[in-house]
Amino acid sequence: MSTPPDLLYSEEEEALRAAVRDLLTDHCDAPGVIARTESDTPHDLSLWKALAESMGLAGLLVPEALGGQGATHREAAVVLEELGRAVAPVPYLTSAVVATEALLACGADDLLAELASGRTIGALAVALHVAPGGAYRTVRHEDGVLHGRLTGIADALAADVLLVPAEDGGLYAVGADAVTLTPQVSLDLTRPLATLTLDGAPARRLGAAEPAVRRALRAGAGLLAAEQLGVADWTLTETVRYLKERKQFNRPVGGFQALKHRLAQLWLEVVNLRAAARNAADALARDEDADVAVAVAQAYAASVAVHAAEEAVQLHGGLGMTWEHPAHLYLKRAKADSIAYGTAGAHRAELADLIDLPAP
């Protein structure tokens, strides 16, 4: 009999949240993020260094014997909530979660130690839109080198090592300096995509690709819900704050009944998303009914995050439509996240299969 999930935050998790939020408050302000999206260096590597090296957060999922923290997906989810609240342009989800999970599946201890230190950034060379268990593109392996082209690889531009699946069923580690990376046009400029071209790139086989990719994408999808929760929570909180200050007819706009109803409905959606995201993180941490919990979270998370961001833009009026206000960052992140690691529809279909629920 399975144990019931514990969706409450522990004291340690709340302390972790406070520490991460304080760091982001000091080093990840909205004008700085917007400025980075207009530059050739969208990733904030100084912030990554503070998170990964100074706070040791890159190694949360890595065992202590390999230099990590030996924590669980619950703690990683708390970090991602805060990163989502700040729309932080750091490769945490792609390196400290997805690439790390792939390496854990392969038992690549040396690379795990490097990623845990934060001095090495990893990226799984599978397109961001691929769902757990979904089909992904591979490259050709021949005489110890790789040939091929992969598109839609998130945070590849910041990576030092790329984990590349090949046609022979293996997962290979390739140095970023051995490949050609071409930036792609991306809706979410805080999580840029790139095309990866391998033309005789030296590669080291790590293990079987299929189980490693499936495990990595499942963790990515499950903890993406925590990031989406952070996006939704920030946009709701900021919208409520603005409507309390903004006045029309000498009254706070937030006092109008129609807006109260919209915000109340959105609050209920965010509360439900918090429960689904926490359940997914807890299930991943216990490795118990994780497939179902992840599918449930991702079937629900996208619509809530997008709705919250859309309401923030609209209810901020003309201000919300300006480039200087960060609302557009949250809307773009929410929209991009809605297809990351599988669409809500794909996760609903997966959930139906998992619980043997036939289509009507």
Protein backbone atom coordinates (compact mmCIF):
# COMPACT_ATOMS: atom_id res chain seq x y z
CA MET A 1 0.00 0.00 0.00
CA SER A 2 1.47 3.35 -1.03
CA THR A 3 1.99 6.08 1.55
CA PRO A 4 0.00 9.31 1.09
CA PRO A 5 2.00 12.22 -0.33
CA ASP A 6 3.10 15.06 1.92
CA LEU A 7 2.38 18.26 0.00
CA LEU A 8 3.37 20.67 2.77
CA TYR A 9 6.72 22.45 2.71
CA SER A 10 9.15 21.42 5.42
CA GLU A 11 11.11 23.93 7.49
CA GLU A 12 14.22 23.08 5.49
CA GLU A 13 12.39 23.69 2.22
CA GLU A 14 11.09 27.04 3.42
CA ALA A 15 14.62 28.02 4.49
CA LEU A 16 15.90 27.02 1.06
CA ARG A 17 13.16 29.09 -0.58
CA ALA A 18 14.07 32.14 1.50
CA ALA A 19 17.77 31.83 0.63
CA VAL A 20 17.11 31.47 -3.09
CA ARG A 21 14.60 34.32 -3.13
CA ASP A 22 17.03 36.62 -1.33
CA LEU A 23 19.74 35.82 -3.87
CA LEU A 24 17.41 36.42 -6.81
CA THR A 25 16.15 39.67 -5.29
CA ASP A 26 19.73 40.94 -5.18
CA HIS A 27 20.99 39.55 -8.49
CA CYS A 28 18.04 39.00 -10.85
CA ASP A 29 15.96 42.14 -11.27
CA ALA A 30 13.52 42.50 -14.15
CA PRO A 31 15.38 45.31 -15.99
CA GLY A 32 18.52 43.16 -15.98
CA VAL A 33 16.67 40.15 -17.39
CA ILE A 34 15.07 42.27 -20.10
CA ALA A 35 18.44 43.75 -21.01
CA ARG A 36 19.91 40.26 -21.36
CA THR A 37 17.18 39.21 -23.76
CA GLU A 38 18.31 42.06 -26.03
CA SER A 39 21.96 41.00 -25.91
CA ASP A 40 24.08 38.19 -27.34
CA THR A 41 24.46 36.66 -23.86
CA PRO A 42 20.96 35.77 -22.62
CA HIS A 43 22.23 33.42 -19.90
CA ASP A 44 23.27 35.04 -16.62
CA LEU A 45 26.34 32.98 -15.83
CA SER A 46 27.27 35.09 -12.80
CA LEU A 47 23.89 34.26 -11.28
CA TRP A 48 24.41 30.62 -12.22
CA LYS A 49 27.75 30.66 -10.43
CA ALA A 50 26.14 32.06 -7.30
CA LEU A 51 23.37 29.45 -7.37
CA ALA A 52 25.46 26.48 -8.43
CA GLU A 53 28.84 27.03 -6.83
CA SER A 54 28.21 29.32 -3.86
CA MET A 55 24.93 27.71 -2.76
CA GLY A 56 25.63 24.21 -4.12
CA LEU A 57 22.23 23.96 -5.82
CA ALA A 58 23.52 22.38 -9.04
CA GLY A 59 24.15 19.18 -7.12
CA LEU A 60 20.86 18.84 -5.24
CA LEU A 61 20.00 15.57 -7.02
CA VAL A 62 23.57 14.22 -6.99
CA PRO A 63 24.62 11.84 -4.18
CA GLU A 64 26.91 13.25 -1.51
CA ALA A 65 29.59 10.70 -2.41
CA LEU A 66 29.93 12.43 -5.78
CA GLY A 67 30.10 15.94 -4.36
CA GLY A 68 26.39 16.66 -4.49
CA GLN A 69 23.86 17.49 -1.81
CA GLY A 70 22.02 14.17 -1.82
CA ALA A 71 18.68 15.98 -1.69
CA THR A 72 15.46 15.09 -3.51
CA HIS A 73 13.18 16.42 -6.20
CA ARG A 74 11.19 18.23 -3.52
CA GLU A 75 14.10 20.58 -2.81
CA ALA A 76 14.82 21.00 -6.53
CA ALA A 77 11.17 21.92 -7.04
CA VAL A 78 11.42 24.68 -4.43
CA VAL A 79 14.42 26.13 -6.29
CA LEU A 80 12.52 25.99 -9.58
CA GLU A 81 9.50 27.74 -8.07
CA GLU A 82 11.72 30.67 -7.16
CA LEU A 83 13.52 30.64 -10.51
CA GLY A 84 10.11 30.71 -12.20
CA ARG A 85 9.03 33.66 -10.06
CA ALA A 86 12.08 35.58 -11.28
CA VAL A 87 12.11 34.19 -14.86
CA ALA A 88 15.80 33.67 -14.13
CA PRO A 89 17.87 33.09 -17.29
CA VAL A 90 19.92 30.21 -15.91
CA PRO A 91 20.15 26.59 -17.17
CA TYR A 92 19.00 25.04 -13.89
CA LEU A 93 16.19 22.85 -15.19
CA THR A 94 18.18 21.66 -18.19
CA SER A 95 21.48 21.01 -16.40
CA ALA A 96 20.82 20.38 -12.70
CA VAL A 97 17.69 18.32 -13.39
CA VAL A 98 17.40 16.91 -16.92
CA ALA A 99 21.07 16.34 -17.77
CA THR A 100 21.78 15.21 -14.21
CA GLU A 101 18.96 12.65 -14.30
CA ALA A 102 20.27 11.26 -17.59
CA LEU A 103 23.73 10.86 -16.08
CA LEU A 104 22.29 9.22 -12.96
CA ALA A 105 20.59 6.66 -15.20
CA CYS A 106 23.90 5.94 -16.93
CA GLY A 107 26.03 5.89 -13.78
CA ALA A 108 28.43 8.47 -15.21
CA ASP A 109 29.99 9.39 -11.86
CA ASP A 110 32.76 11.63 -13.17
CA LEU A 111 30.41 13.83 -15.18
CA LEU A 112 27.93 13.90 -12.31
CA ALA A 113 30.63 15.26 -10.03
CA GLU A 114 31.46 17.96 -12.58
CA LEU A 115 27.82 19.02 -12.95
CA ALA A 116 27.34 18.95 -9.17
CA SER A 117 30.20 21.42 -8.74
CA GLY A 118 28.41 23.90 -10.98
CA ARG A 119 31.56 24.57 -12.96
CA THR A 120 30.29 22.37 -15.80
CA ILE A 121 26.89 22.87 -17.44
CA GLY A 122 25.23 19.96 -19.19
CA ALA A 123 22.41 19.76 -21.71
CA LEU A 124 20.50 16.77 -23.04
CA ALA A 125 20.42 16.99 -26.85
CA VAL A 126 16.71 16.21 -27.17
CA ALA A 127 14.31 18.84 -28.47
CA LEU A 128 12.57 20.76 -25.69
CA HIS A 129 9.08 19.81 -26.92
CA VAL A 130 9.61 16.03 -26.58
CA ALA A 131 7.46 14.39 -23.88
CA PRO A 132 8.64 11.56 -21.62
CA GLY A 133 8.45 8.39 -23.67
CA GLY A 134 8.06 10.38 -26.90
CA ALA A 135 10.05 9.91 -30.09
CA TYR A 136 13.22 11.96 -30.40
CA ARG A 137 15.79 12.45 -33.13
CA THR A 138 19.16 10.74 -33.03
CA VAL A 139 22.49 11.12 -34.82
CA ARG A 140 24.79 8.63 -36.51
CA HIS A 141 27.68 7.05 -34.62
CA GLU A 142 30.64 5.87 -36.66
CA ASP A 143 34.20 5.04 -35.59
CA GLY A 144 33.90 6.84 -32.27
CA VAL A 145 32.53 10.10 -33.69
CA LEU A 146 29.04 11.49 -34.24
CA HIS A 147 27.44 12.93 -37.35
CA GLY A 148 24.07 14.64 -37.58
CA ARG A 149 21.91 17.62 -36.76
CA LEU A 150 19.50 18.19 -33.88
CA THR A 151 17.17 21.15 -33.39
CA GLY A 152 15.33 22.82 -30.52
CA ILE A 153 17.95 22.06 -27.85
CA ALA A 154 17.30 24.23 -24.80
CA ASP A 155 20.24 26.00 -23.12
CA ALA A 156 22.76 24.31 -25.42
CA LEU A 157 24.46 27.68 -25.92
CA ALA A 158 25.46 27.72 -22.24
CA ALA A 159 26.48 24.06 -22.05
CA ASP A 160 29.99 22.69 -21.65
CA VAL A 161 28.98 19.08 -22.34
CA LEU A 162 26.13 17.75 -24.47
CA LEU A 163 24.47 14.37 -23.95
CA VAL A 164 23.59 13.13 -27.42
CA PRO A 165 21.44 10.07 -28.29
CA ALA A 166 22.65 8.09 -31.30
CA GLU A 167 21.07 5.64 -33.75
CA ASP A 168 22.92 2.71 -32.19
CA GLY A 169 20.91 3.16 -28.97
CA GLY A 170 23.70 4.78 -26.98
CA LEU A 171 23.88 8.09 -25.14
CA TYR A 172 27.14 9.91 -25.79
CA ALA A 173 28.93 12.79 -24.08
CA VAL A 174 30.29 15.43 -26.46
CA GLY A 175 32.23 18.56 -25.58
CA ALA A 176 30.51 21.77 -26.65
CA ASP A 177 33.72 22.91 -28.35
CA ALA A 178 33.48 19.93 -30.73
CA VAL A 179 30.10 20.89 -32.20
CA THR A 180 28.55 23.81 -34.05
CA LEU A 181 25.77 25.59 -32.18
CA THR A 182 23.43 27.91 -34.08
CA PRO A 183 20.93 30.03 -32.14
CA GLN A 184 17.28 29.55 -33.10
CA VAL A 185 14.49 32.08 -32.92
CA SER A 186 12.76 31.41 -29.62
CA LEU A 187 9.61 32.88 -28.08
CA ASP A 188 11.14 32.69 -24.61
CA LEU A 189 14.41 34.56 -24.84
CA THR A 190 15.31 33.63 -21.25
CA ARG A 191 15.58 29.95 -22.26
CA PRO A 192 17.12 30.11 -25.74
CA LEU A 193 17.09 27.21 -28.18
CA ALA A 194 19.84 26.16 -30.56
CA THR A 195 20.53 23.84 -33.47
CA LEU A 196 23.29 21.34 -32.81
CA THR A 197 25.43 20.20 -35.76
CA LEU A 198 27.89 17.34 -35.30
CA ASP A 199 30.41 16.73 -38.05
CA GLY A 200 32.76 14.05 -36.79
CA ALA A 201 32.50 15.12 -33.14
CA PRO A 202 34.50 12.87 -30.76
CA ALA A 203 32.11 11.13 -28.38
CA ARG A 204 32.20 8.98 -25.27
CA ARG A 205 29.49 6.39 -24.74
CA LEU A 206 27.79 6.71 -21.37
CA GLY A 207 25.10 4.04 -21.55
CA ALA A 208 21.76 3.19 -23.12
CA ALA A 209 19.91 6.24 -24.40
CA GLU A 210 16.26 5.18 -24.10
CA PRO A 211 16.01 4.65 -20.30
CA ALA A 212 18.24 7.65 -19.61
CA VAL A 213 16.23 9.99 -21.85
CA ARG A 214 12.92 8.73 -20.48
CA ARG A 215 14.05 9.26 -16.88
CA ALA A 216 15.46 12.69 -17.66
CA LEU A 217 12.36 13.92 -19.48
CA ARG A 218 10.04 12.59 -16.78
CA ALA A 219 11.93 14.54 -14.12
CA GLY A 220 12.04 17.58 -16.40
CA ALA A 221 8.29 17.48 -16.98
CA GLY A 222 7.51 16.92 -13.31
CA LEU A 223 9.69 19.75 -12.04
CA LEU A 224 8.69 22.06 -14.88
CA ALA A 225 5.33 22.20 -13.10
CA ALA A 226 7.11 23.84 -10.14
CA GLU A 227 8.56 26.48 -12.47
CA GLN A 228 5.10 27.06 -13.97
CA LEU A 229 3.76 27.43 -10.43
CA GLY A 230 6.37 30.11 -9.77
CA VAL A 231 5.37 31.99 -12.94
CA ALA A 232 1.67 31.80 -12.05
CA ASP A 233 2.21 32.76 -8.41
CA TRP A 234 4.31 35.82 -9.27
CA THR A 235 1.91 37.10 -11.91
CA LEU A 236 -1.09 36.69 -9.61
CA THR A 237 0.66 38.36 -6.67
CA GLU A 238 1.93 41.24 -8.80
CA THR A 239 -1.46 41.77 -10.43
CA VAL A 240 -3.24 41.91 -7.06
CA ARG A 241 -0.64 44.39 -5.80
CA TYR A 242 -1.05 46.63 -8.85
CA LEU A 243 -4.86 46.61 -8.72
CA LYS A 244 -4.77 47.70 -5.09
CA GLU A 245 -2.68 50.75 -6.06
CA ARG A 246 -4.21 51.68 -9.42
CA LYS A 247 -7.22 53.98 -9.09
CA GLN A 248 -10.13 54.87 -11.35
CA PHE A 249 -12.93 57.23 -10.33
CA ASN A 250 -10.92 57.78 -7.16
CA ARG A 251 -11.30 54.10 -6.16
CA PRO A 252 -8.77 51.24 -6.24
CA VAL A 253 -9.40 49.20 -9.37
CA GLY A 254 -9.08 46.01 -7.32
CA GLY A 255 -12.29 46.94 -5.51
CA PHE A 256 -14.44 46.40 -8.59
CA GLN A 257 -16.47 43.21 -8.24
CA ALA A 258 -15.81 41.88 -11.74
CA LEU A 259 -12.05 42.03 -11.18
CA LYS A 260 -12.40 40.44 -7.74
CA HIS A 261 -14.13 37.47 -9.33
CA ARG A 262 -11.43 37.07 -11.97
CA LEU A 263 -8.68 37.18 -9.37
CA ALA A 264 -10.51 34.76 -7.08
CA GLN A 265 -10.87 32.26 -9.92
CA LEU A 266 -7.20 32.63 -10.76
CA TRP A 267 -6.24 32.13 -7.11
CA LEU A 268 -8.14 28.84 -7.03
CA GLU A 269 -6.32 27.69 -10.17
CA VAL A 270 -2.93 28.55 -8.67
CA VAL A 271 -3.75 26.72 -5.43
CA ASN A 272 -4.70 23.63 -7.42
CA LEU A 273 -1.53 23.91 -9.47
CA ARG A 274 0.51 24.08 -6.27
CA ALA A 275 -1.03 20.81 -5.12
CA ALA A 276 -0.37 19.11 -8.46
CA ALA A 277 3.21 20.38 -8.69
CA ARG A 278 4.02 19.40 -5.11
CA ASN A 279 2.52 15.97 -5.67
CA ALA A 280 4.69 15.46 -8.77
CA ALA A 281 7.85 16.50 -6.92
CA ASP A 282 7.00 14.27 -3.96
CA ALA A 283 6.24 11.29 -6.22
CA LEU A 284 9.54 11.75 -8.06
CA ALA A 285 11.37 11.96 -4.74
CA ARG A 286 9.78 8.71 -3.53
CA ASP A 287 9.73 7.11 -7.00
CA GLU A 288 6.17 6.06 -6.32
CA ASP A 289 3.41 6.55 -8.92
CA ALA A 290 5.65 9.19 -10.49
CA ASP A 291 4.42 8.65 -14.06
CA VAL A 292 0.82 9.36 -13.04
CA ALA A 293 1.72 12.33 -10.82
CA VAL A 294 3.84 13.95 -13.54
CA ALA A 295 1.13 13.46 -16.16
CA VAL A 296 -1.51 14.98 -13.87
CA ALA A 297 0.68 18.01 -13.10
CA GLN A 298 1.53 18.69 -16.73
CA ALA A 299 -2.04 18.13 -17.90
CA TYR A 300 -3.03 21.06 -15.68
CA ALA A 301 -0.03 23.36 -15.28
CA ALA A 302 0.21 24.94 -18.73
CA SER A 303 -3.29 26.41 -18.82
CA VAL A 304 -2.93 27.93 -15.34
CA ALA A 305 0.45 29.54 -16.00
CA VAL A 306 -0.68 30.95 -19.34
CA HIS A 307 -3.98 32.20 -17.89
CA ALA A 308 -2.20 33.92 -14.99
CA ALA A 309 0.30 35.60 -17.31
CA GLU A 310 -2.42 36.71 -19.74
CA GLU A 311 -4.43 38.21 -16.89
CA ALA A 312 -1.33 40.04 -15.65
CA VAL A 313 -0.78 41.63 -19.06
CA GLN A 314 -4.44 42.59 -19.48
CA LEU A 315 -5.13 43.83 -15.95
CA HIS A 316 -2.02 45.99 -15.96
CA GLY A 317 -3.65 47.88 -18.83
CA GLY A 318 -1.37 49.87 -21.10
CA LEU A 319 1.53 49.36 -18.68
CA GLY A 320 1.34 45.60 -19.15
CA MET A 321 1.84 45.99 -22.90
CA THR A 322 5.13 47.86 -22.59
CA TRP A 323 8.54 46.27 -23.09
CA GLU A 324 9.82 47.83 -19.88
CA HIS A 325 7.32 45.98 -17.70
CA PRO A 326 8.30 42.33 -17.09
CA ALA A 327 4.81 40.90 -17.74
CA HIS A 328 5.79 39.91 -21.27
CA LEU A 329 8.67 37.81 -19.92
CA TYR A 330 6.24 35.75 -17.85
CA LEU A 331 3.77 35.37 -20.69
CA LYS A 332 6.50 34.16 -23.05
CA ARG A 333 7.89 31.76 -20.45
CA ALA A 334 4.39 30.42 -19.73
CA LYS A 335 3.64 29.94 -23.43
CA ALA A 336 7.00 28.27 -24.11
CA ASP A 337 6.61 26.04 -21.05
CA SER A 338 3.18 24.95 -22.30
CA ILE A 339 4.84 22.83 -25.00
CA ALA A 340 8.05 21.96 -23.13
CA TYR A 341 8.45 18.25 -22.29
CA GLY A 342 5.10 17.53 -23.94
CA THR A 343 1.86 19.45 -24.36
CA ALA A 344 -1.02 19.19 -21.92
CA GLY A 345 -2.86 17.09 -24.50
CA ALA A 346 0.03 14.64 -24.77
CA HIS A 347 0.11 14.26 -20.99
CA ARG A 348 -3.66 13.72 -20.84
CA ALA A 349 -3.33 10.96 -23.42
CA GLU A 350 -0.47 9.43 -21.41
CA LEU A 351 -2.53 9.66 -18.23
CA ALA A 352 -5.45 7.90 -19.90
CA ASP A 353 -3.16 5.04 -20.86
CA LEU A 354 -1.60 4.85 -17.40
CA ILE A 355 -4.92 4.54 -15.58
CA ASP A 356 -6.61 2.54 -18.37
CA LEU A 357 -9.23 5.17 -19.08
CA PRO A 358 -10.70 4.55 -22.56
CA ALA A 359 -11.57 7.45 -24.81
CA PRO A 360 -15.33 8.28 -25.03
